[in-house]
PDB file of N, CA and C in Angstrom:
ATOM      1  N   MET A   1       0.644  97.401 272.219  1.00  0.00           N
ATOM      2  CA  MET A   1      -1.074  96.368 272.450  1.00  0.00           C
ATOM      3  C   MET A   1      -0.620  96.339 274.200  1.00  0.00           C
ATOM      4  N   GLN A   2       0.515  97.147 275.079  1.00  0.00           N
ATOM      5  CA  GLN A   2      -0.486  96.331 276.009  1.00  0.00           C
ATOM      6  C   GLN A   2      -1.046  98.354 277.024  1.00  0.00           C
ATOM      7  N   GLU A   3      -0.511  99.454 276.160  1.00  0.00           N
ATOM      8  CA  GLU A   3      -0.898 100.550 276.245  1.00  0.00           C
ATOM      9  C   GLU A   3      -2.496 100.301 276.696  1.00  0.00           C
ATOM     10  N   LYS A   4      -2.517  99.740 275.782  1.00  0.00           N
ATOM     11  CA  LYS A   4      -4.287  98.954 274.725  1.00  0.00           C
ATOM     12  C   LYS A   4      -5.347  98.249 275.748  1.00  0.00           C
ATOM     13  N   ILE A   5      -4.719  97.746 276.324  1.00  0.00           N
ATOM     14  CA  ILE A   5      -4.655  96.500 277.594  1.00  0.00           C
ATOM     15  C   ILE A   5      -5.264  97.114 278.834  1.00  0.00           C
ATOM     16  N   GLU A   6      -4.252  98.259 279.476  1.00  0.00           N
ATOM     17  CA  GLU A   6      -4.102  99.018 280.503  1.00  0.00           C
ATOM     18  C   GLU A   6      -5.349 100.145 280.331  1.00  0.00           C
ATOM     19  N   LYS A   7      -5.920 101.022 279.242  1.00  0.00           N
ATOM     20  CA  LYS A   7      -6.929 101.977 278.816  1.00  0.00           C
ATOM     21  C   LYS A   7      -8.373 100.489 279.205  1.00  0.00           C
ATOM     22  N   THR A   8      -7.986 100.077 278.385  1.00  0.00           N
ATOM     23  CA  THR A   8      -9.896  98.561 278.708  1.00  0.00           C
ATOM     24  C   THR A   8      -9.324  98.445 280.436  1.00  0.00           C
ATOM     25  N   ILE A   9      -9.143  98.352 281.066  1.00  0.00           N
ATOM     26  CA  ILE A   9      -8.693  97.723 282.684  1.00  0.00           C
ATOM     27  C   ILE A   9      -9.004  98.988 282.908  1.00  0.00           C
ATOM     28  N   ARG A  10      -8.802 100.212 283.377  1.00  0.00           N
ATOM     29  CA  ARG A  10      -9.299 101.189 284.022  1.00  0.00           C
ATOM     30  C   ARG A  10     -10.625 101.277 283.233  1.00  0.00           C
ATOM     31  N   TYR A  11     -10.921 101.036 281.968  1.00  0.00           N
ATOM     32  CA  TYR A  11     -12.548 101.888 281.908  1.00  0.00           C
ATOM     33  C   TYR A  11     -13.502 100.780 282.523  1.00  0.00           C
ATOM     34  N   ILE A  12     -12.883  99.071 281.760  1.00  0.00           N
ATOM     35  CA  ILE A  12     -13.299  98.375 283.440  1.00  0.00           C
ATOM     36  C   ILE A  12     -14.089  98.225 284.406  1.00  0.00           C
ATOM     37  N   GLU A  13     -13.179  99.156 285.066  1.00  0.00           N
ATOM     38  CA  GLU A  13     -12.960  99.535 286.679  1.00  0.00           C
ATOM     39  C   GLU A  13     -13.206 100.287 287.110  1.00  0.00           C
ATOM     40  N   ASN A  14     -14.190 100.523 286.223  1.00  0.00           N
ATOM     41  CA  ASN A  14     -14.953 102.852 286.261  1.00  0.00           C
ATOM     42  C   ASN A  14     -16.448 102.393 285.605  1.00  0.00           C
ATOM     43  N   SER A  15     -16.539 100.872 285.112  1.00  0.00           N
ATOM     44  CA  SER A  15     -17.633 101.032 283.836  1.00  0.00           C
ATOM     45  C   SER A  15     -19.303 100.907 284.680  1.00  0.00           C
ATOM     46  N   ASP A  16     -20.369 101.224 285.013  1.00  0.00           N
ATOM     47  CA  ASP A  16     -21.343 100.663 285.511  1.00  0.00           C
ATOM     48  C   ASP A  16     -22.159  99.279 284.649  1.00  0.00           C
ATOM     49  N   ARG A  17     -21.553  99.400 283.301  1.00  0.00           N
ATOM     50  CA  ARG A  17     -22.365  98.659 282.463  1.00  0.00           C
ATOM     51  C   ARG A  17     -21.879  96.828 282.431  1.00  0.00           C
ATOM     52  N   ILE A  18     -20.755  97.196 283.676  1.00  0.00           N
ATOM     53  CA  ILE A  18     -19.708  95.463 283.270  1.00  0.00           C
ATOM     54  C   ILE A  18     -20.757  95.216 285.425  1.00  0.00           C
ATOM     55  N   SER A  19     -21.241  94.375 285.579  1.00  0.00           N
ATOM     56  CA  SER A  19     -22.087  93.705 286.369  1.00  0.00           C
ATOM     57  C   SER A  19     -20.261  93.048 288.228  1.00  0.00           C
ATOM     58  N   GLU A  20     -20.852  92.964 289.078  1.00  0.00           N
ATOM     59  CA  GLU A  20     -19.698  93.063 289.666  1.00  0.00           C
ATOM     60  C   GLU A  20     -19.174  91.584 289.942  1.00  0.00           C
ATOM     61  N   GLU A  21     -20.435  90.612 289.619  1.00  0.00           N
ATOM     62  CA  GLU A  21     -19.631  89.568 289.036  1.00  0.00           C
ATOM     63  C   GLU A  21     -18.773  89.052 288.199  1.00  0.00           C
ATOM     64  N   THR A  22     -19.309  89.627 286.956  1.00  0.00           N
ATOM     65  CA  THR A  22     -17.884  89.168 285.988  1.00  0.00           C
ATOM     66  C   THR A  22     -16.739  89.871 286.155  1.00  0.00           C
ATOM     67  N   ARG A  23     -17.175  91.462 286.454  1.00  0.00           N
ATOM     68  CA  ARG A  23     -15.667  92.527 286.677  1.00  0.00           C
ATOM     69  C   ARG A  23     -14.822  91.484 287.101  1.00  0.00           C
ATOM     70  N   PRO A  24     -14.333  91.105 288.024  1.00  0.00           N
ATOM     71  CA  PRO A  24     -13.383  90.347 289.193  1.00  0.00           C
ATOM     72  C   PRO A  24     -12.342  89.740 287.314  1.00  0.00           C
ATOM     73  N   LEU A  25     -13.439  88.471 287.276  1.00  0.00           N
ATOM     74  CA  LEU A  25     -13.192  87.200 286.206  1.00  0.00           C
ATOM     75  C   LEU A  25     -12.323  88.378 284.660  1.00  0.00           C
ATOM     76  N   ILE A  26     -13.242  89.047 284.314  1.00  0.00           N
ATOM     77  CA  ILE A  26     -12.546  90.098 283.295  1.00  0.00           C
ATOM     78  C   ILE A  26     -11.140  90.876 283.204  1.00  0.00           C
ATOM     79  N   LEU A  27     -10.957  91.214 284.581  1.00  0.00           N
ATOM     80  CA  LEU A  27      -9.540  92.372 284.642  1.00  0.00           C
ATOM     81  C   LEU A  27      -8.886  91.437 285.397  1.00  0.00           C
ATOM     82  N   GLU A  28      -8.706  90.281 285.875  1.00  0.00           N
ATOM     83  CA  GLU A  28      -7.737  89.030 286.206  1.00  0.00           C
ATOM     84  C   GLU A  28      -7.709  88.676 283.888  1.00  0.00           C
ATOM     85  N   LYS A  29      -8.546  88.226 282.894  1.00  0.00           N
ATOM     86  CA  LYS A  29      -7.734  88.367 282.314  1.00  0.00           C
ATOM     87  C   LYS A  29      -7.288  89.063 281.397  1.00  0.00           C
ATOM     88  N   LEU A  30      -7.500  90.237 281.298  1.00  0.00           N
ATOM     89  CA  LEU A  30      -7.372  91.049 280.269  1.00  0.00           C
ATOM     90  C   LEU A  30      -5.605  91.462 281.256  1.00  0.00           C
ATOM     91  N   ARG A  31      -5.420  90.629 283.139  1.00  0.00           N
ATOM     92  CA  ARG A  31      -4.378  90.867 283.603  1.00  0.00           C
ATOM     93  C   ARG A  31      -2.760  90.067 282.824  1.00  0.00           C
ATOM     94  N   GLU A  32      -3.767  89.106 282.898  1.00  0.00           N
ATOM     95  CA  GLU A  32      -3.256  87.608 282.398  1.00  0.00           C
ATOM     96  C   GLU A  32      -2.862  88.550 280.641  1.00  0.00           C
ATOM     97  N   TRP A  33      -2.626  88.618 280.127  1.00  0.00           N
ATOM     98  CA  TRP A  33      -2.962  89.516 278.944  1.00  0.00           C
ATOM     99  C   TRP A  33      -1.926  89.998 278.822  1.00  0.00           C
ATOM    100  N   ARG A  34      -1.713  90.807 279.736  1.00  0.00           N
ATOM    101  CA  ARG A  34      -0.967  92.520 279.337  1.00  0.00           C
ATOM    102  C   ARG A  34       0.552  91.807 280.235  1.00  0.00           C
ATOM    103  N   GLU A  35       0.814  90.515 280.466  1.00  0.00           N
ATOM    104  CA  GLU A  35       1.840  89.930 281.068  1.00  0.00           C
ATOM    105  C   GLU A  35       2.393  89.151 279.416  1.00  0.00           C
ATOM    106  N   GLU A  36       1.291  88.769 279.000  1.00  0.00           N
ATOM    107  CA  GLU A  36       1.466  87.847 277.889  1.00  0.00           C
ATOM    108  C   GLU A  36       2.299  88.847 276.231  1.00  0.00           C
ATOM    109  N   GLN A  37       3.564  88.608 275.937  1.00  0.00           N
ATOM    110  CA  GLN A  37       3.637  88.840 274.128  1.00  0.00           C
ATOM    111  C   GLN A  37       2.702  87.853 273.779  1.00  0.00           C
ATOM    112  N   ASN A  38       2.490  86.526 273.213  1.00  0.00           N
ATOM    113  CA  ASN A  38       1.130  86.675 272.540  1.00  0.00           C
ATOM    114  C   ASN A  38      -0.156  86.377 273.106  1.00  0.00           C
ATOM    115  N   ALA A  39      -0.947  88.170 273.725  1.00  0.00           N
ATOM    116  CA  ALA A  39      -1.770  88.591 273.893  1.00  0.00           C
ATOM    117  C   ALA A  39      -2.526  89.216 272.841  1.00  0.00           C
ATOM    118  N   ILE A  40      -2.398  90.232 272.228  1.00  0.00           N
ATOM    119  CA  ILE A  40      -2.525  90.438 270.912  1.00  0.00           C
ATOM    120  C   ILE A  40      -3.899  88.611 270.085  1.00  0.00           C
ATOM    121  N   ASN A  41      -2.438  87.944 269.841  1.00  0.00           N
ATOM    122  CA  ASN A  41      -2.973  86.181 269.028  1.00  0.00           C
ATOM    123  C   ASN A  41      -4.504  85.795 269.284  1.00  0.00           C
ATOM    124  N   ASP A  42      -4.514  85.407 271.046  1.00  0.00           N
ATOM    125  CA  ASP A  42      -5.306  85.171 271.431  1.00  0.00           C
ATOM    126  C   ASP A  42      -5.837  85.823 271.739  1.00  0.00           C
ATOM    127  N   VAL A  43      -6.822  87.680 271.549  1.00  0.00           N
ATOM    128  CA  VAL A  43      -8.173  87.452 271.445  1.00  0.00           C
ATOM    129  C   VAL A  43      -8.612  87.744 269.921  1.00  0.00           C
ATOM    130  N   ALA A  44      -6.937  87.912 269.242  1.00  0.00           N
ATOM    131  CA  ALA A  44      -7.698  87.486 268.329  1.00  0.00           C
ATOM    132  C   ALA A  44      -8.408  86.564 267.544  1.00  0.00           C
ATOM    133  N   VAL A  45      -7.495  85.081 267.473  1.00  0.00           N
ATOM    134  CA  VAL A  45      -8.186  83.948 267.882  1.00  0.00           C
ATOM    135  C   VAL A  45     -10.077  84.034 267.937  1.00  0.00           C
ATOM    136  N   ARG A  46      -9.854  84.245 269.622  1.00  0.00           N
ATOM    137  CA  ARG A  46     -10.793  84.659 270.138  1.00  0.00           C
ATOM    138  C   ARG A  46     -12.457  85.198 269.314  1.00  0.00           C
ATOM    139  N   PHE A  47     -12.051  86.526 269.053  1.00  0.00           N
ATOM    140  CA  PHE A  47     -12.641  87.542 268.237  1.00  0.00           C
ATOM    141  C   PHE A  47     -13.074  86.429 266.993  1.00  0.00           C
ATOM    142  N   GLU A  48     -11.972  85.284 266.131  1.00  0.00           N
ATOM    143  CA  GLU A  48     -12.778  84.909 264.952  1.00  0.00           C
ATOM    144  C   GLU A  48     -13.627  84.231 265.034  1.00  0.00           C
ATOM    145  N   ASN A  49     -12.887  82.949 266.469  1.00  0.00           N
ATOM    146  CA  ASN A  49     -14.251  81.368 266.886  1.00  0.00           C
ATOM    147  C   ASN A  49     -15.113  82.425 267.274  1.00  0.00           C
ATOM    148  N   TRP A  50     -15.779  83.346 267.908  1.00  0.00           N
ATOM    149  CA  TRP A  50     -17.064  84.195 268.415  1.00  0.00           C
ATOM    150  C   TRP A  50     -17.950  85.060 266.447  1.00  0.00           C
ATOM    151  N   TRP A  51     -16.860  85.221 265.992  1.00  0.00           N
ATOM    152  CA  TRP A  51     -17.532  86.238 265.216  1.00  0.00           C
ATOM    153  C   TRP A  51     -18.087  84.744 263.653  1.00  0.00           C
ATOM    154  N   ILE A  52     -16.813  83.385 263.961  1.00  0.00           N
ATOM    155  CA  ILE A  52     -17.658  82.206 263.150  1.00  0.00           C
ATOM    156  C   ILE A  52     -19.265  82.187 263.637  1.00  0.00           C
ATOM    157  N   GLU A  53     -19.031  81.955 265.386  1.00  0.00           N
ATOM    158  CA  GLU A  53     -20.450  81.305 265.148  1.00  0.00           C
ATOM    159  C   GLU A  53     -21.356  82.685 265.912  1.00  0.00           C
ATOM    160  N   ILE A  54     -21.639  83.549 265.400  1.00  0.00           N
ATOM    161  CA  ILE A  54     -22.157  84.998 265.252  1.00  0.00           C
ATOM    162  C   ILE A  54     -22.637  84.944 263.464  1.00  0.00           C
ATOM    163  N   GLU A  55     -21.249  85.211 262.152  1.00  0.00           N
ATOM    164  CA  GLU A  55     -21.224  85.283 261.894  1.00  0.00           C
ATOM    165  C   GLU A  55     -23.511  84.826 260.741  1.00  0.00           C
ATOM    166  N   PRO A  56     -23.579  83.480 260.744  1.00  0.00           N
ATOM    167  CA  PRO A  56     -24.413  82.665 260.319  1.00  0.00           C
ATOM    168  C   PRO A  56     -25.589  83.912 260.762  1.00  0.00           C
ATOM    169  N   ILE A  57     -25.754  84.114 261.780  1.00  0.00           N
ATOM    170  CA  ILE A  57     -27.476  84.396 262.610  1.00  0.00           C
ATOM    171  C   ILE A  57     -27.310  86.150 262.040  1.00  0.00           C
ATOM    172  N   PHE A  58     -26.469  86.908 261.489  1.00  0.00           N
ATOM    173  CA  PHE A  58     -26.113  88.428 260.718  1.00  0.00           C
ATOM    174  C   PHE A  58     -26.799  87.545 259.947  1.00  0.00           C
ATOM    175  N   ALA A  59     -25.864  87.272 258.742  1.00  0.00           N
ATOM    176  CA  ALA A  59     -26.756  87.306 257.894  1.00  0.00           C
ATOM    177  C   ALA A  59     -27.908  86.538 257.429  1.00  0.00           C
ATOM    178  N   GLU A  60     -28.079  86.524 257.915  1.00  0.00           N
ATOM    179  CA  GLU A  60     -29.797  85.521 257.964  1.00  0.00           C
ATOM    180  C   GLU A  60     -30.481  86.607 258.501  1.00  0.00           C
ATOM    181  N   LEU A  61     -30.236  88.071 259.409  1.00  0.00           N
ATOM    182  CA  LEU A  61     -30.879  89.062 259.432  1.00  0.00           C
ATOM    183  C   LEU A  61     -30.668  90.291 258.247  1.00  0.00           C
ATOM    184  N   GLY A  62     -29.682  89.805 257.310  1.00  0.00           N
ATOM    185  CA  GLY A  62     -29.843  90.413 256.508  1.00  0.00           C
ATOM    186  C   GLY A  62     -28.709  91.328 257.360  1.00  0.00           C
ATOM    187  N   TRP A  63     -27.858  91.766 257.961  1.00  0.00           N
ATOM    188  CA  TRP A  63     -26.865  92.248 258.522  1.00  0.00           C
ATOM    189  C   TRP A  63     -25.527  92.106 257.674  1.00  0.00           C
ATOM    190  N   VAL A  64     -25.010  90.790 257.402  1.00  0.00           N
ATOM    191  CA  VAL A  64     -23.829  90.866 256.092  1.00  0.00           C
ATOM    192  C   VAL A  64     -24.083  90.873 254.730  1.00  0.00           C
TER     193      VAL A  64
END
């Protein structure tokens, strides 16, 4: 997992698609996750919570 986080950090550092305002916040959180053994669980829970909110919208549009 740490290897994937490192790759993501490098991508975000060089990305033109991420604003200069949010980049430091994203990088800070990724660096925290890199140091945590439970980072995978944290990411999984965040995505699951996001999906619970977004899934009904996708269903309405007929995408799921």
